[in-house]
Amino acid sequence: MSTMNISLPETLKTFVDLQVSERGYGTSSEYVRELIRKDQDRLQLREKLLAGASSAPTASIDATYFDSLRDRVHQATRTTSAR
């Protein structure tokens, strides 16, 4: 694992220390890593949403589509609970 030093104003350091103690992180590094992971997830979601928004529509979404979707969910639920 690499090391990175970050300079923070006292107010931000106090905030980070408070988050570490209140939210159960072992160190400020754990807290910062979690923030970075969440930002990565956010960026990936944004890319997927933009890709979806710019893609051509495939099929119309109507009552039949949602009925089929509900049937698949119910079937998956029955299969999972039967195990």
PDB file of N, CA and C in Angstrom:
ATOM      1  N   MET A   1       0.849  -1.168   0.000  1.00  0.00           N
ATOM      2  CA  MET A   1       0.000   0.000   0.000  1.00  0.00           C
ATOM      3  C   MET A   1       0.896   1.233   0.000  1.00  0.00           C
ATOM      4  N   SER A   2       0.516   2.217  -0.773  1.00  0.00           N
ATOM      5  CA  SER A   2       1.265   3.467  -0.849  1.00  0.00           C
ATOM      6  C   SER A   2       0.828   4.410   0.256  1.00  0.00           C
ATOM      7  N   THR A   3       1.671   5.367   0.531  1.00  0.00           N
ATOM      8  CA  THR A   3       1.368   6.379   1.536  1.00  0.00           C
ATOM      9  C   THR A   3       1.192   7.721   0.850  1.00  0.00           C
ATOM     10  N   MET A   4       0.198   8.491   1.317  1.00  0.00           N
ATOM     11  CA  MET A   4      -0.048   9.825   0.792  1.00  0.00           C
ATOM     12  C   MET A   4      -0.292  10.737   1.979  1.00  0.00           C
ATOM     13  N   ASN A   5       0.394  11.843   2.017  1.00  0.00           N
ATOM     14  CA  ASN A   5       0.187  12.823   3.076  1.00  0.00           C
ATOM     15  C   ASN A   5      -0.741  13.913   2.566  1.00  0.00           C
ATOM     16  N   ILE A   6      -1.710  14.296   3.379  1.00  0.00           N
ATOM     17  CA  ILE A   6      -2.675  15.318   3.000  1.00  0.00           C
ATOM     18  C   ILE A   6      -2.665  16.398   4.059  1.00  0.00           C
ATOM     19  N   SER A   7      -2.549  17.636   3.623  1.00  0.00           N
ATOM     20  CA  SER A   7      -2.605  18.774   4.545  1.00  0.00           C
ATOM     21  C   SER A   7      -4.035  19.280   4.605  1.00  0.00           C
ATOM     22  N   LEU A   8      -4.537  19.455   5.822  1.00  0.00           N
ATOM     23  CA  LEU A   8      -5.894  19.944   6.025  1.00  0.00           C
ATOM     24  C   LEU A   8      -5.881  21.128   6.969  1.00  0.00           C
ATOM     25  N   PRO A   9      -6.781  22.070   6.738  1.00  0.00           N
ATOM     26  CA  PRO A   9      -6.943  23.120   7.743  1.00  0.00           C
ATOM     27  C   PRO A   9      -7.475  22.475   9.032  1.00  0.00           C
ATOM     28  N   GLU A  10      -7.262  23.128  10.132  1.00  0.00           N
ATOM     29  CA  GLU A  10      -7.651  22.562  11.432  1.00  0.00           C
ATOM     30  C   GLU A  10      -9.131  22.199  11.483  1.00  0.00           C
ATOM     31  N   THR A  11      -9.983  23.009  10.851  1.00  0.00           N
ATOM     32  CA  THR A  11     -11.420  22.714  10.891  1.00  0.00           C
ATOM     33  C   THR A  11     -11.743  21.396  10.186  1.00  0.00           C
ATOM     34  N   LEU A  12     -11.094  21.127   9.060  1.00  0.00           N
ATOM     35  CA  LEU A  12     -11.331  19.863   8.361  1.00  0.00           C
ATOM     36  C   LEU A  12     -10.740  18.686   9.122  1.00  0.00           C
ATOM     37  N   LYS A  13      -9.574  18.875   9.719  1.00  0.00           N
ATOM     38  CA  LYS A  13      -8.980  17.799  10.518  1.00  0.00           C
ATOM     39  C   LYS A  13      -9.891  17.449  11.691  1.00  0.00           C
ATOM     40  N   THR A  14     -10.446  18.456  12.334  1.00  0.00           N
ATOM     41  CA  THR A  14     -11.373  18.220  13.442  1.00  0.00           C
ATOM     42  C   THR A  14     -12.595  17.455  12.952  1.00  0.00           C
ATOM     43  N   PHE A  15     -13.101  17.826  11.777  1.00  0.00           N
ATOM     44  CA  PHE A  15     -14.250  17.130  11.203  1.00  0.00           C
ATOM     45  C   PHE A  15     -13.915  15.667  10.932  1.00  0.00           C
ATOM     46  N   VAL A  16     -12.765  15.414  10.322  1.00  0.00           N
ATOM     47  CA  VAL A  16     -12.357  14.038  10.020  1.00  0.00           C
ATOM     48  C   VAL A  16     -12.213  13.248  11.310  1.00  0.00           C
ATOM     49  N   ASP A  17     -11.555  13.811  12.298  1.00  0.00           N
ATOM     50  CA  ASP A  17     -11.382  13.121  13.584  1.00  0.00           C
ATOM     51  C   ASP A  17     -12.734  12.781  14.211  1.00  0.00           C
ATOM     52  N   LEU A  18     -13.684  13.687  14.104  1.00  0.00           N
ATOM     53  CA  LEU A  18     -15.017  13.455  14.647  1.00  0.00           C
ATOM     54  C   LEU A  18     -15.716  12.315  13.892  1.00  0.00           C
ATOM     55  N   GLN A  19     -15.598  12.308  12.570  1.00  0.00           N
ATOM     56  CA  GLN A  19     -16.205  11.242  11.777  1.00  0.00           C
ATOM     57  C   GLN A  19     -15.597   9.885  12.118  1.00  0.00           C
ATOM     58  N   VAL A  20     -14.294   9.865  12.293  1.00  0.00           N
ATOM     59  CA  VAL A  20     -13.597   8.619  12.642  1.00  0.00           C
ATOM     60  C   VAL A  20     -14.126   8.086  13.967  1.00  0.00           C
ATOM     61  N   SER A  21     -14.244   8.945  14.958  1.00  0.00           N
ATOM     62  CA  SER A  21     -14.676   8.469  16.275  1.00  0.00           C
ATOM     63  C   SER A  21     -16.168   8.136  16.311  1.00  0.00           C
ATOM     64  N   GLU A  22     -16.994   8.930  15.641  1.00  0.00           N
ATOM     65  CA  GLU A  22     -18.443   8.715  15.708  1.00  0.00           C
ATOM     66  C   GLU A  22     -18.928   7.595  14.800  1.00  0.00           C
ATOM     67  N   ARG A  23     -18.220   7.350  13.705  1.00  0.00           N
ATOM     68  CA  ARG A  23     -18.718   6.391  12.719  1.00  0.00           C
ATOM     69  C   ARG A  23     -17.963   5.067  12.743  1.00  0.00           C
ATOM     70  N   GLY A  24     -17.081   4.907  13.711  1.00  0.00           N
ATOM     71  CA  GLY A  24     -16.449   3.608  13.920  1.00  0.00           C
ATOM     72  C   GLY A  24     -15.272   3.280  13.031  1.00  0.00           C
ATOM     73  N   TYR A  25     -14.678   4.260  12.416  1.00  0.00           N
ATOM     74  CA  TYR A  25     -13.470   4.002  11.633  1.00  0.00           C
ATOM     75  C   TYR A  25     -12.297   3.851  12.582  1.00  0.00           C
ATOM     76  N   GLY A  26     -11.351   3.008  12.217  1.00  0.00           N
ATOM     77  CA  GLY A  26     -10.183   2.811  13.057  1.00  0.00           C
ATOM     78  C   GLY A  26      -9.191   3.949  12.940  1.00  0.00           C
ATOM     79  N   THR A  27      -9.090   4.510  11.743  1.00  0.00           N
ATOM     80  CA  THR A  27      -8.129   5.588  11.490  1.00  0.00           C
ATOM     81  C   THR A  27      -8.722   6.572  10.491  1.00  0.00           C
ATOM     82  N   SER A  28      -8.104   7.724  10.395  1.00  0.00           N
ATOM     83  CA  SER A  28      -8.538   8.707   9.402  1.00  0.00           C
ATOM     84  C   SER A  28      -8.289   8.173   7.989  1.00  0.00           C
ATOM     85  N   SER A  29      -7.290   7.324   7.823  1.00  0.00           N
ATOM     86  CA  SER A  29      -7.027   6.722   6.513  1.00  0.00           C
ATOM     87  C   SER A  29      -8.203   5.858   6.062  1.00  0.00           C
ATOM     88  N   GLU A  30      -8.781   5.095   6.984  1.00  0.00           N
ATOM     89  CA  GLU A  30      -9.949   4.275   6.640  1.00  0.00           C
ATOM     90  C   GLU A  30     -11.101   5.157   6.178  1.00  0.00           C
ATOM     91  N   TYR A  31     -11.308   6.260   6.860  1.00  0.00           N
ATOM     92  CA  TYR A  31     -12.382   7.187   6.504  1.00  0.00           C
ATOM     93  C   TYR A  31     -12.148   7.762   5.112  1.00  0.00           C
ATOM     94  N   VAL A  32     -10.941   8.212   4.829  1.00  0.00           N
ATOM     95  CA  VAL A  32     -10.628   8.803   3.526  1.00  0.00           C
ATOM     96  C   VAL A  32     -10.750   7.754   2.423  1.00  0.00           C
ATOM     97  N   ARG A  33     -10.273   6.521   2.676  1.00  0.00           N
ATOM     98  CA  ARG A  33     -10.419   5.458   1.671  1.00  0.00           C
ATOM     99  C   ARG A  33     -11.892   5.216   1.354  1.00  0.00           C
ATOM    100  N   GLU A  34     -12.748   5.210   2.378  1.00  0.00           N
ATOM    101  CA  GLU A  34     -14.182   5.017   2.162  1.00  0.00           C
ATOM    102  C   GLU A  34     -14.765   6.143   1.319  1.00  0.00           C
ATOM    103  N   LEU A  35     -14.360   7.376   1.584  1.00  0.00           N
ATOM    104  CA  LEU A  35     -14.837   8.503   0.785  1.00  0.00           C
ATOM    105  C   LEU A  35     -14.412   8.352  -0.675  1.00  0.00           C
ATOM    106  N   ILE A  36     -13.187   7.917  -0.895  1.00  0.00           N
ATOM    107  CA  ILE A  36     -12.694   7.737  -2.261  1.00  0.00           C
ATOM    108  C   ILE A  36     -13.468   6.620  -2.960  1.00  0.00           C
ATOM    109  N   ARG A  37     -13.706   5.517  -2.267  1.00  0.00           N
ATOM    110  CA  ARG A  37     -14.489   4.416  -2.860  1.00  0.00           C
ATOM    111  C   ARG A  37     -15.885   4.878  -3.241  1.00  0.00           C
ATOM    112  N   LYS A  38     -16.518   5.649  -2.371  1.00  0.00           N
ATOM    113  CA  LYS A  38     -17.865   6.149  -2.662  1.00  0.00           C
ATOM    114  C   LYS A  38     -17.842   7.084  -3.871  1.00  0.00           C
ATOM    115  N   ASP A  39     -16.805   7.883  -3.994  1.00  0.00           N
ATOM    116  CA  ASP A  39     -16.690   8.774  -5.141  1.00  0.00           C
ATOM    117  C   ASP A  39     -16.484   7.969  -6.426  1.00  0.00           C
ATOM    118  N   GLN A  40     -15.681   6.907  -6.352  1.00  0.00           N
ATOM    119  CA  GLN A  40     -15.506   6.028  -7.513  1.00  0.00           C
ATOM    120  C   GLN A  40     -16.844   5.416  -7.918  1.00  0.00           C
ATOM    121  N   ASP A  41     -17.600   4.924  -6.948  1.00  0.00           N
ATOM    122  CA  ASP A  41     -18.916   4.347  -7.234  1.00  0.00           C
ATOM    123  C   ASP A  41     -19.829   5.383  -7.887  1.00  0.00           C
ATOM    124  N   ARG A  42     -19.808   6.600  -7.365  1.00  0.00           N
ATOM    125  CA  ARG A  42     -20.644   7.674  -7.910  1.00  0.00           C
ATOM    126  C   ARG A  42     -20.276   7.963  -9.357  1.00  0.00           C
ATOM    127  N   LEU A  43     -18.972   8.007  -9.642  1.00  0.00           N
ATOM    128  CA  LEU A  43     -18.531   8.273 -11.011  1.00  0.00           C
ATOM    129  C   LEU A  43     -18.911   7.136 -11.960  1.00  0.00           C
ATOM    130  N   GLN A  44     -18.799   5.895 -11.502  1.00  0.00           N
ATOM    131  CA  GLN A  44     -19.199   4.754 -12.331  1.00  0.00           C
ATOM    132  C   GLN A  44     -20.695   4.790 -12.619  1.00  0.00           C
ATOM    133  N   LEU A  45     -21.492   5.112 -11.607  1.00  0.00           N
ATOM    134  CA  LEU A  45     -22.933   5.212 -11.797  1.00  0.00           C
ATOM    135  C   LEU A  45     -23.258   6.326 -12.792  1.00  0.00           C
ATOM    136  N   ARG A  46     -22.576   7.442 -12.667  1.00  0.00           N
ATOM    137  CA  ARG A  46     -22.801   8.571 -13.585  1.00  0.00           C
ATOM    138  C   ARG A  46     -22.497   8.156 -15.011  1.00  0.00           C
ATOM    139  N   GLU A  47     -21.378   7.444 -15.219  1.00  0.00           N
ATOM    140  CA  GLU A  47     -21.026   6.979 -16.560  1.00  0.00           C
ATOM    141  C   GLU A  47     -22.100   6.060 -17.123  1.00  0.00           C
ATOM    142  N   LYS A  48     -22.607   5.146 -16.292  1.00  0.00           N
ATOM    143  CA  LYS A  48     -23.644   4.220 -16.747  1.00  0.00           C
ATOM    144  C   LYS A  48     -24.941   4.953 -17.074  1.00  0.00           C
ATOM    145  N   LEU A  49     -25.299   5.927 -16.248  1.00  0.00           N
ATOM    146  CA  LEU A  49     -26.509   6.697 -16.513  1.00  0.00           C
ATOM    147  C   LEU A  49     -26.387   7.500 -17.803  1.00  0.00           C
ATOM    148  N   LEU A  50     -25.224   8.105 -18.021  1.00  0.00           N
ATOM    149  CA  LEU A  50     -25.017   8.864 -19.255  1.00  0.00           C
ATOM    150  C   LEU A  50     -25.027   7.946 -20.477  1.00  0.00           C
ATOM    151  N   ALA A  51     -24.411   6.766 -20.339  1.00  0.00           N
ATOM    152  CA  ALA A  51     -24.422   5.808 -21.446  1.00  0.00           C
ATOM    153  C   ALA A  51     -25.848   5.361 -21.743  1.00  0.00           C
ATOM    154  N   GLY A  52     -26.618   5.105 -20.709  1.00  0.00           N
ATOM    155  CA  GLY A  52     -28.000   4.705 -20.906  1.00  0.00           C
ATOM    156  C   GLY A  52     -28.835   5.811 -21.524  1.00  0.00           C
ATOM    157  N   ALA A  53     -28.599   7.037 -21.094  1.00  0.00           N
ATOM    158  CA  ALA A  53     -29.363   8.166 -21.623  1.00  0.00           C
ATOM    159  C   ALA A  53     -29.055   8.425 -23.089  1.00  0.00           C
ATOM    160  N   SER A  54     -27.837   8.120 -23.508  1.00  0.00           N
ATOM    161  CA  SER A  54     -27.472   8.385 -24.897  1.00  0.00           C
ATOM    162  C   SER A  54     -27.707   7.181 -25.814  1.00  0.00           C
ATOM    163  N   SER A  55     -28.101   6.050 -25.241  1.00  0.00           N
ATOM    164  CA  SER A  55     -28.345   4.874 -26.075  1.00  0.00           C
ATOM    165  C   SER A  55     -29.745   4.934 -26.683  1.00  0.00           C
ATOM    166  N   ALA A  56     -29.890   4.207 -27.758  1.00  0.00           N
ATOM    167  CA  ALA A  56     -31.188   4.167 -28.433  1.00  0.00           C
ATOM    168  C   ALA A  56     -32.167   3.332 -27.620  1.00  0.00           C
ATOM    169  N   PRO A  57     -33.413   3.725 -27.602  1.00  0.00           N
ATOM    170  CA  PRO A  57     -34.410   2.918 -26.896  1.00  0.00           C
ATOM    171  C   PRO A  57     -34.544   1.545 -27.554  1.00  0.00           C
ATOM    172  N   THR A  58     -34.808   0.537 -26.743  1.00  0.00           N
ATOM    173  CA  THR A  58     -34.914  -0.810 -27.290  1.00  0.00           C
ATOM    174  C   THR A  58     -36.368  -1.226 -27.445  1.00  0.00           C
ATOM    175  N   ALA A  59     -37.089  -1.333 -26.391  1.00  0.00           N
ATOM    176  CA  ALA A  59     -38.487  -1.740 -26.463  1.00  0.00           C
ATOM    177  C   ALA A  59     -39.312  -0.806 -25.598  1.00  0.00           C
ATOM    178  N   SER A  60     -40.560  -0.699 -25.944  1.00  0.00           N
ATOM    179  CA  SER A  60     -41.414   0.173 -25.142  1.00  0.00           C
ATOM    180  C   SER A  60     -41.658  -0.459 -23.773  1.00  0.00           C
ATOM    181  N   ILE A  61     -41.768   0.399 -22.808  1.00  0.00           N
ATOM    182  CA  ILE A  61     -42.041  -0.054 -21.449  1.00  0.00           C
ATOM    183  C   ILE A  61     -43.493   0.271 -21.163  1.00  0.00           C
ATOM    184  N   ASP A  62     -44.280  -0.778 -21.028  1.00  0.00           N
ATOM    185  CA  ASP A  62     -45.703  -0.616 -20.796  1.00  0.00           C
ATOM    186  C   ASP A  62     -46.143  -1.566 -19.690  1.00  0.00           C
ATOM    187  N   ALA A  63     -47.424  -1.702 -19.508  1.00  0.00           N
ATOM    188  CA  ALA A  63     -47.952  -2.554 -18.451  1.00  0.00           C
ATOM    189  C   ALA A  63     -47.497  -3.992 -18.607  1.00  0.00           C
ATOM    190  N   THR A  64     -47.409  -4.476 -19.837  1.00  0.00           N
ATOM    191  CA  THR A  64     -46.959  -5.852 -20.083  1.00  0.00           C
ATOM    192  C   THR A  64     -45.530  -6.052 -19.595  1.00  0.00           C
ATOM    193  N   TYR A  65     -44.674  -5.086 -19.839  1.00  0.00           N
ATOM    194  CA  TYR A  65     -43.282  -5.162 -19.384  1.00  0.00           C
ATOM    195  C   TYR A  65     -43.242  -5.286 -17.859  1.00  0.00           C
ATOM    196  N   PHE A  66     -43.986  -4.429 -17.162  1.00  0.00           N
ATOM    197  CA  PHE A  66     -43.966  -4.456 -15.701  1.00  0.00           C
ATOM    198  C   PHE A  66     -44.597  -5.729 -15.146  1.00  0.00           C
ATOM    199  N   ASP A  67     -45.628  -6.237 -15.806  1.00  0.00           N
ATOM    200  CA  ASP A  67     -46.214  -7.516 -15.378  1.00  0.00           C
ATOM    201  C   ASP A  67     -45.183  -8.631 -15.486  1.00  0.00           C
ATOM    202  N   SER A  68     -44.452  -8.649 -16.577  1.00  0.00           N
ATOM    203  CA  SER A  68     -43.411  -9.657 -16.781  1.00  0.00           C
ATOM    204  C   SER A  68     -42.311  -9.513 -15.732  1.00  0.00           C
ATOM    205  N   LEU A  69     -41.940  -8.301 -15.449  1.00  0.00           N
ATOM    206  CA  LEU A  69     -40.908  -8.040 -14.444  1.00  0.00           C
ATOM    207  C   LEU A  69     -41.367  -8.525 -13.065  1.00  0.00           C
ATOM    208  N   ARG A  70     -42.606  -8.235 -12.711  1.00  0.00           N
ATOM    209  CA  ARG A  70     -43.143  -8.704 -11.430  1.00  0.00           C
ATOM    210  C   ARG A  70     -43.146 -10.231 -11.359  1.00  0.00           C
ATOM    211  N   ASP A  71     -43.534 -10.874 -12.459  1.00  0.00           N
ATOM    212  CA  ASP A  71     -43.540 -12.340 -12.494  1.00  0.00           C
ATOM    213  C   ASP A  71     -42.143 -12.901 -12.270  1.00  0.00           C
ATOM    214  N   ARG A  72     -41.140 -12.285 -12.897  1.00  0.00           N
ATOM    215  CA  ARG A  72     -39.757 -12.763 -12.727  1.00  0.00           C
ATOM    216  C   ARG A  72     -39.286 -12.580 -11.288  1.00  0.00           C
ATOM    217  N   VAL A  73     -39.651 -11.476 -10.679  1.00  0.00           N
ATOM    218  CA  VAL A  73     -39.255 -11.227  -9.288  1.00  0.00           C
ATOM    219  C   VAL A  73     -39.936 -12.230  -8.366  1.00  0.00           C
ATOM    220  N   HIS A  74     -41.232 -12.452  -8.572  1.00  0.00           N
ATOM    221  CA  HIS A  74     -41.940 -13.428  -7.740  1.00  0.00           C
ATOM    222  C   HIS A  74     -41.361 -14.822  -7.907  1.00  0.00           C
ATOM    223  N   GLN A  75     -41.022 -15.188  -9.130  1.00  0.00           N
ATOM    224  CA  GLN A  75     -40.440 -16.499  -9.394  1.00  0.00           C
ATOM    225  C   GLN A  75     -39.082 -16.631  -8.695  1.00  0.00           C
ATOM    226  N   ALA A  76     -38.269 -15.586  -8.777  1.00  0.00           N
ATOM    227  CA  ALA A  76     -36.950 -15.612  -8.126  1.00  0.00           C
ATOM    228  C   ALA A  76     -37.112 -15.680  -6.610  1.00  0.00           C
ATOM    229  N   THR A  77     -38.108 -14.996  -6.074  1.00  0.00           N
ATOM    230  CA  THR A  77     -38.348 -15.025  -4.629  1.00  0.00           C
ATOM    231  C   THR A  77     -38.770 -16.429  -4.176  1.00  0.00           C
ATOM    232  N   ARG A  78     -39.635 -17.050  -4.951  1.00  0.00           N
ATOM    233  CA  ARG A  78     -40.065 -18.407  -4.614  1.00  0.00           C
ATOM    234  C   ARG A  78     -38.902 -19.380  -4.672  1.00  0.00           C
ATOM    235  N   THR A  79     -38.049 -19.230  -5.671  1.00  0.00           N
ATOM    236  CA  THR A  79     -36.892 -20.118  -5.827  1.00  0.00           C
ATOM    237  C   THR A  79     -35.918 -19.939  -4.669  1.00  0.00           C
ATOM    238  N   THR A  80     -35.677 -18.692  -4.274  1.00  0.00           N
ATOM    239  CA  THR A  80     -34.747 -18.400  -3.178  1.00  0.00           C
ATOM    240  C   THR A  80     -35.288 -18.895  -1.842  1.00  0.00           C
ATOM    241  N   SER A  81     -36.574 -18.681  -1.587  1.00  0.00           N
ATOM    242  CA  SER A  81     -37.133 -19.094  -0.299  1.00  0.00           C
ATOM    243  C   SER A  81     -37.315 -20.605  -0.192  1.00  0.00           C
ATOM    244  N   ALA A  82     -37.327 -21.314  -1.323  1.00  0.00           N
ATOM    245  CA  ALA A  82     -37.480 -22.765  -1.307  1.00  0.00           C
ATOM    246  C   ALA A  82     -36.180 -23.479  -0.949  1.00  0.00           C
ATOM    247  N   ARG A  83     -35.080 -22.758  -0.997  1.00  0.00           N
ATOM    248  CA  ARG A  83     -33.772 -23.373  -0.703  1.00  0.00           C
ATOM    249  C   ARG A  83     -33.569 -23.614   0.735  1.00  0.00           C
TER     250      ARG A  83
END
